[in-house]
C-alpha atoms as a PDB file:
ATOM      1  CA  UNK A   1      24.107   1.473  19.121  1.00  0.00           C
ATOM      2  CA  UNK A   2      24.091  -0.160  15.702  1.00  0.00           C
ATOM      3  CA  UNK A   3      22.877  -3.631  14.824  1.00  0.00           C
ATOM      4  CA  UNK A   4      21.908  -5.817  11.876  1.00  0.00           C
ATOM      5  CA  UNK A   5      18.616  -7.737  11.830  1.00  0.00           C
ATOM      6  CA  UNK A   6      19.767 -10.817   9.898  1.00  0.00           C
ATOM      7  CA  UNK A   7      16.431 -12.663   9.902  1.00  0.00           C
ATOM      8  CA  UNK A   8      13.106 -10.828   9.804  1.00  0.00           C
ATOM      9  CA  UNK A   9       9.971 -11.612   7.793  1.00  0.00           C
ATOM     10  CA  UNK A  10       9.185  -8.011   7.010  1.00  0.00           C
ATOM     11  CA  UNK A  11       6.394  -8.663   4.504  1.00  0.00           C
ATOM     12  CA  UNK A  12       4.293  -9.473   7.585  1.00  0.00           C
ATOM     13  CA  UNK A  13       5.278  -6.303   9.475  1.00  0.00           C
ATOM     14  CA  UNK A  14       4.027  -2.717   9.317  1.00  0.00           C
ATOM     15  CA  UNK A  15       5.962   0.375   8.334  1.00  0.00           C
ATOM     16  CA  UNK A  16       5.891   1.362  12.017  1.00  0.00           C
ATOM     17  CA  UNK A  17       8.172  -1.605  12.648  1.00  0.00           C
ATOM     18  CA  UNK A  18      10.661  -0.337  10.077  1.00  0.00           C
ATOM     19  CA  UNK A  19      10.651   3.069  11.744  1.00  0.00           C
ATOM     20  CA  UNK A  20      11.109   1.566  15.215  1.00  0.00           C
ATOM     21  CA  UNK A  21      13.975  -0.649  14.050  1.00  0.00           C
ATOM     22  CA  UNK A  22      15.837   2.239  12.431  1.00  0.00           C
ATOM     23  CA  UNK A  23      15.292   4.388  15.528  1.00  0.00           C
ATOM     24  CA  UNK A  24      16.771   1.576  17.648  1.00  0.00           C
ATOM     25  CA  UNK A  25      19.907   1.481  15.468  1.00  0.00           C
ATOM     26  CA  UNK A  26      19.167  -1.111  12.776  1.00  0.00           C
ATOM     27  CA  UNK A  27      21.394  -0.562   9.726  1.00  0.00           C
ATOM     28  CA  UNK A  28      20.266  -3.506   7.538  1.00  0.00           C
ATOM     29  CA  UNK A  29      17.545  -6.133   7.510  1.00  0.00           C
ATOM     30  CA  UNK A  30      17.650  -9.530   5.798  1.00  0.00           C
ATOM     31  CA  UNK A  31      14.501 -11.469   4.937  1.00  0.00           C
ATOM     32  CA  UNK A  32      14.574 -15.208   4.235  1.00  0.00           C
ATOM     33  CA  UNK A  33      11.794 -16.679   2.110  1.00  0.00           C
ATOM     34  CA  UNK A  34       9.310 -18.511   4.286  1.00  0.00           C
ATOM     35  CA  UNK A  35       5.733 -19.654   4.739  1.00  0.00           C
ATOM     36  CA  UNK A  36       3.041 -17.077   3.941  1.00  0.00           C
ATOM     37  CA  UNK A  37       0.724 -18.224   6.725  1.00  0.00           C
ATOM     38  CA  UNK A  38      -1.026 -20.519   4.256  1.00  0.00           C
ATOM     39  CA  UNK A  39       0.082 -23.099   1.701  1.00  0.00           C
ATOM     40  CA  UNK A  40       0.505 -21.633  -1.770  1.00  0.00           C
ATOM     41  CA  UNK A  41      -1.116 -23.691  -4.511  1.00  0.00           C
ATOM     42  CA  UNK A  42       1.181 -23.193  -7.501  1.00  0.00           C
ATOM     43  CA  UNK A  43       4.495 -21.753  -8.640  1.00  0.00           C
ATOM     44  CA  UNK A  44       2.865 -18.491  -9.700  1.00  0.00           C
ATOM     45  CA  UNK A  45       2.085 -17.637  -6.086  1.00  0.00           C
ATOM     46  CA  UNK A  46       5.730 -18.183  -5.213  1.00  0.00           C
ATOM     47  CA  UNK A  47       6.896 -16.095  -8.153  1.00  0.00           C
ATOM     48  CA  UNK A  48       4.777 -13.176  -6.974  1.00  0.00           C
ATOM     49  CA  UNK A  49       6.184 -13.642  -3.468  1.00  0.00           C
ATOM     50  CA  UNK A  50       9.739 -13.644  -4.793  1.00  0.00           C
ATOM     51  CA  UNK A  51       9.021 -10.370  -6.599  1.00  0.00           C
ATOM     52  CA  UNK A  52       7.657  -8.983  -3.345  1.00  0.00           C
ATOM     53  CA  UNK A  53      10.942  -9.878  -1.631  1.00  0.00           C
ATOM     54  CA  UNK A  54      13.211  -8.607  -4.412  1.00  0.00           C
ATOM     55  CA  UNK A  55      11.341  -5.516  -5.645  1.00  0.00           C
ATOM     56  CA  UNK A  56       8.555  -4.203  -3.411  1.00  0.00           C
ATOM     57  CA  UNK A  57       9.953  -4.773   0.068  1.00  0.00           C
ATOM     58  CA  UNK A  58      13.326  -3.099  -0.638  1.00  0.00           C
ATOM     59  CA  UNK A  59      11.450   0.001  -1.799  1.00  0.00           C
ATOM     60  CA  UNK A  60       9.297   0.010   1.330  1.00  0.00           C
ATOM     61  CA  UNK A  61      12.349  -0.328   3.590  1.00  0.00           C
ATOM     62  CA  UNK A  62      14.232   2.345   1.671  1.00  0.00           C
ATOM     63  CA  UNK A  63      11.625   4.916   2.723  1.00  0.00           C
ATOM     64  CA  UNK A  64      13.134   4.514   6.181  1.00  0.00           C
ATOM     65  CA  UNK A  65      16.729   4.538   4.884  1.00  0.00           C
ATOM     66  CA  UNK A  66      17.067   0.847   5.755  1.00  0.00           C
ATOM     67  CA  UNK A  67      18.804  -1.491   3.261  1.00  0.00           C
ATOM     68  CA  UNK A  68      16.732  -4.638   2.710  1.00  0.00           C
ATOM     69  CA  UNK A  69      18.147  -7.971   1.522  1.00  0.00           C
ATOM     70  CA  UNK A  70      16.533 -11.353   0.997  1.00  0.00           C
ATOM     71  CA  UNK A  71      17.059 -15.077   0.508  1.00  0.00           C
ATOM     72  CA  UNK A  72      15.089 -17.318  -1.867  1.00  0.00           C
ATOM     73  CA  UNK A  73      13.739 -20.874  -1.561  1.00  0.00           C
ATOM     74  CA  UNK A  74      10.607 -22.914  -1.023  1.00  0.00           C
ATOM     75  CA  UNK A  75      10.329 -23.348   2.715  1.00  0.00           C
ATOM     76  CA  UNK A  76      10.261 -26.793   4.342  1.00  0.00           C
ATOM     77  CA  UNK A  77       6.624 -26.452   5.435  1.00  0.00           C
ATOM     78  CA  UNK A  78       5.643 -26.548   1.752  1.00  0.00           C
ATOM     79  CA  UNK A  79       8.155 -29.165   0.603  1.00  0.00           C
ATOM     80  CA  UNK A  80       5.919 -32.215   0.924  1.00  0.00           C
ATOM     81  CA  UNK A  81       4.584 -31.575  -2.583  1.00  0.00           C
ATOM     82  CA  UNK A  82       7.795 -32.377  -4.428  1.00  0.00           C
ATOM     83  CA  UNK A  83       6.327 -31.585  -7.856  1.00  0.00           C
ATOM     84  CA  UNK A  84       5.456 -28.063  -6.734  1.00  0.00           C
ATOM     85  CA  UNK A  85       8.796 -27.733  -4.953  1.00  0.00           C
ATOM     86  CA  UNK A  86      10.683 -28.623  -8.134  1.00  0.00           C
ATOM     87  CA  UNK A  87       8.684 -26.021 -10.069  1.00  0.00           C
ATOM     88  CA  UNK A  88       9.462 -23.358  -7.473  1.00  0.00           C
ATOM     89  CA  UNK A  89      13.168 -24.220  -7.345  1.00  0.00           C
ATOM     90  CA  UNK A  90      13.285 -23.862 -11.138  1.00  0.00           C
ATOM     91  CA  UNK A  91      12.248 -20.193 -10.740  1.00  0.00           C
ATOM     92  CA  UNK A  92      15.133 -19.273  -8.477  1.00  0.00           C
ATOM     93  CA  UNK A  93      18.236 -19.237 -10.741  1.00  0.00           C
ATOM     94  CA  UNK A  94      16.916 -16.349 -12.849  1.00  0.00           C
ATOM     95  CA  UNK A  95      16.213 -14.324  -9.695  1.00  0.00           C
ATOM     96  CA  UNK A  96      19.654 -14.727  -8.119  1.00  0.00           C
ATOM     97  CA  UNK A  97      20.871 -11.731 -10.103  1.00  0.00           C
ATOM     98  CA  UNK A  98      18.462  -9.395  -8.277  1.00  0.00           C
ATOM     99  CA  UNK A  99      20.547  -6.806  -6.419  1.00  0.00           C
ATOM    100  CA  UNK A 100      19.246  -7.581  -2.924  1.00  0.00           C
ATOM    101  CA  UNK A 101      19.453 -11.408  -3.073  1.00  0.00           C
ATOM    102  CA  UNK A 102      22.041 -12.863  -0.670  1.00  0.00           C
ATOM    103  CA  UNK A 103      21.609 -16.597  -1.246  1.00  0.00           C
ATOM    104  CA  UNK A 104      19.401 -19.636  -0.713  1.00  0.00           C
ATOM    105  CA  UNK A 105      17.210 -19.771   2.395  1.00  0.00           C
ATOM    106  CA  UNK A 106      15.647 -20.398   4.716  1.00  0.00           C
ATOM    107  CA  UNK A 107      15.850 -23.997   3.609  1.00  0.00           C
ATOM    108  CA  UNK A 108      15.819 -26.893   6.053  1.00  0.00           C
ATOM    109  CA  UNK A 109      13.401 -29.264   7.722  1.00  0.00           C
ATOM    110  CA  UNK A 110      10.038 -28.940   9.445  1.00  0.00           C
ATOM    111  CA  UNK A 111       8.906 -32.478  10.358  1.00  0.00           C
ATOM    112  CA  UNK A 112      12.055 -34.282   9.175  1.00  0.00           C
ATOM    113  CA  UNK A 113      10.152 -36.135   6.464  1.00  0.00           C
ATOM    114  CA  UNK A 114      11.658 -37.931   3.478  1.00  0.00           C
ATOM    115  CA  UNK A 115      10.250 -35.367   1.029  1.00  0.00           C
ATOM    116  CA  UNK A 116      11.538 -32.442   3.079  1.00  0.00           C
ATOM    117  CA  UNK A 117      15.001 -33.968   3.086  1.00  0.00           C
ATOM    118  CA  UNK A 118      14.866 -34.521  -0.685  1.00  0.00           C
ATOM    119  CA  UNK A 119      13.990 -30.859  -1.312  1.00  0.00           C
ATOM    120  CA  UNK A 120      16.631 -29.733   1.199  1.00  0.00           C
ATOM    121  CA  UNK A 121      19.251 -31.617  -0.792  1.00  0.00           C
ATOM    122  CA  UNK A 122      18.045 -30.019  -4.034  1.00  0.00           C
ATOM    123  CA  UNK A 123      18.340 -26.561  -2.471  1.00  0.00           C
ATOM    124  CA  UNK A 124      21.869 -27.343  -1.300  1.00  0.00           C
ATOM    125  CA  UNK A 125      22.754 -28.463  -4.814  1.00  0.00           C
ATOM    126  CA  UNK A 126      21.282 -25.228  -6.189  1.00  0.00           C
ATOM    127  CA  UNK A 127      23.439 -23.208  -3.797  1.00  0.00           C
ATOM    128  CA  UNK A 128      26.525 -25.197  -4.777  1.00  0.00           C
ATOM    129  CA  UNK A 129      25.842 -24.802  -8.503  1.00  0.00           C
ATOM    130  CA  UNK A 130      25.494 -21.019  -8.170  1.00  0.00           C
ATOM    131  CA  UNK A 131      28.056 -20.419  -5.400  1.00  0.00           C
ATOM    132  CA  UNK A 132      25.464 -19.023  -3.007  1.00  0.00           C
ATOM    133  CA  UNK A 133      25.418 -18.466   0.749  1.00  0.00           C
ATOM    134  CA  UNK A 134      22.982 -20.707   2.614  1.00  0.00           C
ATOM    135  CA  UNK A 135      20.586 -19.995   5.497  1.00  0.00           C
ATOM    136  CA  UNK A 136      19.051 -23.063   7.172  1.00  0.00           C
ATOM    137  CA  UNK A 137      15.903 -23.421   9.299  1.00  0.00           C
ATOM    138  CA  UNK A 138      16.024 -26.096  11.991  1.00  0.00           C
ATOM    139  CA  UNK A 139      12.777 -27.694  13.182  1.00  0.00           C
ATOM    140  CA  UNK A 140      10.940 -26.917  16.369  1.00  0.00           C
ATOM    141  CA  UNK A 141      10.897 -28.553  19.792  1.00  0.00           C
ATOM    142  CA  UNK A 142      11.218 -32.358  19.859  1.00  0.00           C
ATOM    143  CA  UNK A 143      12.215 -32.533  16.165  1.00  0.00           C
ATOM    144  CA  UNK A 144      15.122 -30.084  16.486  1.00  0.00           C
ATOM    145  CA  UNK A 145      17.974 -32.383  17.515  1.00  0.00           C
ATOM    146  CA  UNK A 146      17.187 -35.084  14.940  1.00  0.00           C
ATOM    147  CA  UNK A 147      16.571 -32.445  12.273  1.00  0.00           C
ATOM    148  CA  UNK A 148      19.814 -30.647  13.011  1.00  0.00           C
ATOM    149  CA  UNK A 149      21.761 -33.896  12.653  1.00  0.00           C
ATOM    150  CA  UNK A 150      20.026 -34.650   9.336  1.00  0.00           C
ATOM    151  CA  UNK A 151      20.780 -31.136   8.086  1.00  0.00           C
ATOM    152  CA  UNK A 152      24.445 -31.370   9.042  1.00  0.00           C
ATOM    153  CA  UNK A 153      24.743 -34.713   7.259  1.00  0.00           C
ATOM    154  CA  UNK A 154      23.091 -33.294   4.123  1.00  0.00           C
ATOM    155  CA  UNK A 155      25.436 -30.304   4.078  1.00  0.00           C
ATOM    156  CA  UNK A 156      28.528 -32.475   4.592  1.00  0.00           C
ATOM    157  CA  UNK A 157      27.543 -34.546   1.559  1.00  0.00           C
ATOM    158  CA  UNK A 158      28.180 -31.565  -0.734  1.00  0.00           C
ATOM    159  CA  UNK A 159      31.905 -30.966  -1.086  1.00  0.00           C
ATOM    160  CA  UNK A 160      31.405 -27.537  -2.667  1.00  0.00           C
ATOM    161  CA  UNK A 161      29.467 -26.252   0.347  1.00  0.00           C
ATOM    162  CA  UNK A 162      31.888 -24.968   2.978  1.00  0.00           C
ATOM    163  CA  UNK A 163      30.716 -24.455   6.596  1.00  0.00           C
ATOM    164  CA  UNK A 164      31.876 -20.841   6.733  1.00  0.00           C
ATOM    165  CA  UNK A 165      29.260 -19.974   4.062  1.00  0.00           C
ATOM    166  CA  UNK A 166      26.316 -21.585   5.909  1.00  0.00           C
ATOM    167  CA  UNK A 167      24.297 -20.167   8.815  1.00  0.00           C
ATOM    168  CA  UNK A 168      22.170 -22.731  10.675  1.00  0.00           C
ATOM    169  CA  UNK A 169      19.436 -20.833  12.470  1.00  0.00           C
ATOM    170  CA  UNK A 170      17.174 -21.328  15.494  1.00  0.00           C
ATOM    171  CA  UNK A 171      19.824 -23.205  17.489  1.00  0.00           C
ATOM    172  CA  UNK A 172      19.188 -23.912  21.152  1.00  0.00           C
ATOM    173  CA  UNK A 173      21.318 -25.256  23.984  1.00  0.00           C
ATOM    174  CA  UNK A 174      21.220 -28.857  22.752  1.00  0.00           C
ATOM    175  CA  UNK A 175      22.020 -28.065  19.094  1.00  0.00           C
ATOM    176  CA  UNK A 176      24.386 -25.079  19.195  1.00  0.00           C
ATOM    177  CA  UNK A 177      27.483 -27.200  20.010  1.00  0.00           C
ATOM    178  CA  UNK A 178      26.771 -29.563  17.090  1.00  0.00           C
ATOM    179  CA  UNK A 179      26.585 -26.656  14.659  1.00  0.00           C
ATOM    180  CA  UNK A 180      29.564 -24.695  15.957  1.00  0.00           C
ATOM    181  CA  UNK A 181      31.830 -27.720  16.416  1.00  0.00           C
ATOM    182  CA  UNK A 182      31.207 -28.627  12.760  1.00  0.00           C
ATOM    183  CA  UNK A 183      32.453 -25.178  11.682  1.00  0.00           C
ATOM    184  CA  UNK A 184      29.104 -23.692  10.662  1.00  0.00           C
ATOM    185  CA  UNK A 185      27.659 -20.353  11.748  1.00  0.00           C
ATOM    186  CA  UNK A 186      24.833 -20.526  14.306  1.00  0.00           C
ATOM    187  CA  UNK A 187      21.828 -18.240  14.659  1.00  0.00           C
ATOM    188  CA  UNK A 188      19.920 -17.782  17.919  1.00  0.00           C
ATOM    189  CA  UNK A 189      16.334 -16.638  17.466  1.00  0.00           C
ATOM    190  CA  UNK A 190      14.730 -14.424  20.104  1.00  0.00           C
ATOM    191  CA  UNK A 191      11.003 -15.112  20.532  1.00  0.00           C
ATOM    192  CA  UNK A 192       8.698 -13.971  23.344  1.00  0.00           C
ATOM    193  CA  UNK A 193       7.134 -17.435  23.838  1.00  0.00           C
ATOM    194  CA  UNK A 194       9.397 -19.959  22.103  1.00  0.00           C
ATOM    195  CA  UNK A 195      12.991 -20.444  20.990  1.00  0.00           C
ATOM    196  CA  UNK A 196      15.304 -18.240  23.125  1.00  0.00           C
ATOM    197  CA  UNK A 197      14.820 -15.374  25.538  1.00  0.00           C
ATOM    198  CA  UNK A 198      17.511 -12.676  25.712  1.00  0.00           C
ATOM    199  CA  UNK A 199      18.969 -14.223  28.879  1.00  0.00           C
ATOM    200  CA  UNK A 200      19.058 -17.715  27.361  1.00  0.00           C
ATOM    201  CA  UNK A 201      20.786 -16.310  24.277  1.00  0.00           C
ATOM    202  CA  UNK A 202      23.429 -14.583  26.389  1.00  0.00           C
ATOM    203  CA  UNK A 203      23.905 -17.742  28.455  1.00  0.00           C
ATOM    204  CA  UNK A 204      24.505 -19.734  25.246  1.00  0.00           C
ATOM    205  CA  UNK A 205      27.051 -17.187  24.087  1.00  0.00           C
ATOM    206  CA  UNK A 206      28.849 -17.487  27.410  1.00  0.00           C
ATOM    207  CA  UNK A 207      28.849 -21.286  27.139  1.00  0.00           C
ATOM    208  CA  UNK A 208      29.883 -21.645  23.510  1.00  0.00           C
ATOM    209  CA  UNK A 209      31.607 -18.340  22.678  1.00  0.00           C
ATOM    210  CA  UNK A 210      30.582 -15.537  20.349  1.00  0.00           C
ATOM    211  CA  UNK A 211      32.587 -16.640  17.315  1.00  0.00           C
ATOM    212  CA  UNK A 212      30.343 -17.555  14.344  1.00  0.00           C
ATOM    213  CA  UNK A 213      27.207 -16.583  16.267  1.00  0.00           C
ATOM    214  CA  UNK A 214      24.444 -14.100  15.484  1.00  0.00           C
ATOM    215  CA  UNK A 215      21.144 -13.080  17.072  1.00  0.00           C
ATOM    216  CA  UNK A 216      17.901 -12.459  15.196  1.00  0.00           C
ATOM    217  CA  UNK A 217      14.228 -11.818  15.893  1.00  0.00           C
ATOM    218  CA  UNK A 218      12.723 -13.828  12.980  1.00  0.00           C
ATOM    219  CA  UNK A 219       9.779 -11.451  13.423  1.00  0.00           C
ATOM    220  CA  UNK A 220       6.726 -12.518  11.444  1.00  0.00           C
ATOM    221  CA  UNK A 221       2.896 -12.520  11.624  1.00  0.00           C
ATOM    222  CA  UNK A 222       2.856 -14.407  14.928  1.00  0.00           C
ATOM    223  CA  UNK A 223       3.734 -13.316  18.451  1.00  0.00           C
ATOM    224  CA  UNK A 224       7.199 -11.912  17.775  1.00  0.00           C
ATOM    225  CA  UNK A 225       9.206  -8.776  18.403  1.00  0.00           C
ATOM    226  CA  UNK A 226      11.107  -6.876  15.676  1.00  0.00           C
ATOM    227  CA  UNK A 227      13.100  -5.133  18.446  1.00  0.00           C
ATOM    228  CA  UNK A 228      14.226  -8.353  20.143  1.00  0.00           C
ATOM    229  CA  UNK A 229      17.856  -7.858  19.098  1.00  0.00           C
ATOM    230  CA  UNK A 230      18.357  -4.336  20.570  1.00  0.00           C
ATOM    231  CA  UNK A 231      16.446  -5.422  23.677  1.00  0.00           C
ATOM    232  CA  UNK A 232      18.999  -8.199  24.105  1.00  0.00           C
ATOM    233  CA  UNK A 233      21.740  -5.584  23.809  1.00  0.00           C
ATOM    234  CA  UNK A 234      20.157  -3.809  26.768  1.00  0.00           C
ATOM    235  CA  UNK A 235      20.223  -7.050  28.758  1.00  0.00           C
ATOM    236  CA  UNK A 236      23.892  -7.518  27.840  1.00  0.00           C
ATOM    237  CA  UNK A 237      24.588  -4.047  29.257  1.00  0.00           C
ATOM    238  CA  UNK A 238      22.826  -5.016  32.484  1.00  0.00           C
ATOM    239  CA  UNK A 239      25.094  -8.049  32.703  1.00  0.00           C
ATOM    240  CA  UNK A 240      28.214  -5.915  32.356  1.00  0.00           C
ATOM    241  CA  UNK A 241      29.146  -6.371  28.694  1.00  0.00           C
ATOM    242  CA  UNK A 242      31.077  -3.571  27.038  1.00  0.00           C
ATOM    243  CA  UNK A 243      29.838  -1.577  24.071  1.00  0.00           C
ATOM    244  CA  UNK A 244      32.556  -3.243  21.984  1.00  0.00           C
ATOM    245  CA  UNK A 245      31.382  -6.765  22.932  1.00  0.00           C
ATOM    246  CA  UNK A 246      27.779  -5.874  22.089  1.00  0.00           C
ATOM    247  CA  UNK A 247      28.806  -4.352  18.780  1.00  0.00           C
ATOM    248  CA  UNK A 248      30.821  -7.458  17.924  1.00  0.00           C
ATOM    249  CA  UNK A 249      27.867  -9.796  18.473  1.00  0.00           C
ATOM    250  CA  UNK A 250      25.031  -7.706  17.014  1.00  0.00           C
ATOM    251  CA  UNK A 251      26.830  -5.896  14.189  1.00  0.00           C
ATOM    252  CA  UNK A 252      30.289  -7.246  13.398  1.00  0.00           C
ATOM    253  CA  UNK A 253      29.346 -10.945  13.420  1.00  0.00           C
ATOM    254  CA  UNK A 254      26.442 -10.749  10.947  1.00  0.00           C
ATOM    255  CA  UNK A 255      28.511  -8.308   8.908  1.00  0.00           C
ATOM    256  CA  UNK A 256      31.345 -10.857   8.659  1.00  0.00           C
ATOM    257  CA  UNK A 257      29.033 -13.582   7.418  1.00  0.00           C
ATOM    258  CA  UNK A 258      26.811 -11.531   5.119  1.00  0.00           C
ATOM    259  CA  UNK A 259      29.705  -9.619   3.546  1.00  0.00           C
ATOM    260  CA  UNK A 260      30.797 -12.849   1.917  1.00  0.00           C
ATOM    261  CA  UNK A 261      28.226 -11.700  -0.626  1.00  0.00           C
ATOM    262  CA  UNK A 262      29.648  -8.401  -1.958  1.00  0.00           C
ATOM    263  CA  UNK A 263      26.117  -7.042  -2.465  1.00  0.00           C
ATOM    264  CA  UNK A 264      25.575  -6.719   1.251  1.00  0.00           C
ATOM    265  CA  UNK A 265      25.866  -3.157   2.540  1.00  0.00           C
ATOM    266  CA  UNK A 266      24.693  -1.448   5.715  1.00  0.00           C
ATOM    267  CA  UNK A 267      23.169   2.013   6.023  1.00  0.00           C
ATOM    268  CA  UNK A 268      26.208   3.332   7.892  1.00  0.00           C
ATOM    269  CA  UNK A 269      28.556   2.119   5.142  1.00  0.00           C
ATOM    270  CA  UNK A 270      26.406   3.865   2.528  1.00  0.00           C
ATOM    271  CA  UNK A 271      26.317   7.180   4.382  1.00  0.00           C
ATOM    272  CA  UNK A 272      28.420  10.013   2.893  1.00  0.00           C
END
């Protein structure tokens, strides 16, 4: 089996996780910029983090023959300080030329505040100005539906942002139809204790179809599983899905979206 991990926070994971992912069939991993587990105090901390994503982490992944790609932004949890957010956003244009950068993300909302929405709109403008793909984080639990609606409205306000170049992540049963009906891509995140279980993810696919849908683990420093995607493939097999259907969801779908950036390559495409 082959699969793409389209959303994993690998700076928080060990090299054993890289080895396990490759052994399970992972052929590329993509890492959105996110919260470091603490609030960074100035733009210099973010600059060092961006270098970690664009220089160090690809080298670490390459030791396991796994292509590593990333997305850049200031995450919504740290967007309340708009002065700092503006300083961080100003760093990003010069880093977009790095060979493993796919676009802007994971931008979005956390508590649906006015400042978060302002910085979301500035990120969307940045993506439009530089013709970048966009990866969006939707809020948790009771804030998710309202946040998803706010995000969709913000994206629609930018005529140069087309839905086929935006993936809206962490959808659940009550938000997936909104995202897919509007023409955007939808990401289902597989977490042991929150978001979606493998069976819930498969149920959503059966309800809403597999077109413009991907699965990811969003593995980080919390209780998460970097092998959640291949474990869901096993559950799909138990439920009678063919190898071709599994490959379409876990490999072909993220490949279709991510290949809109010509930098994106998988390990199997790079093999002689």
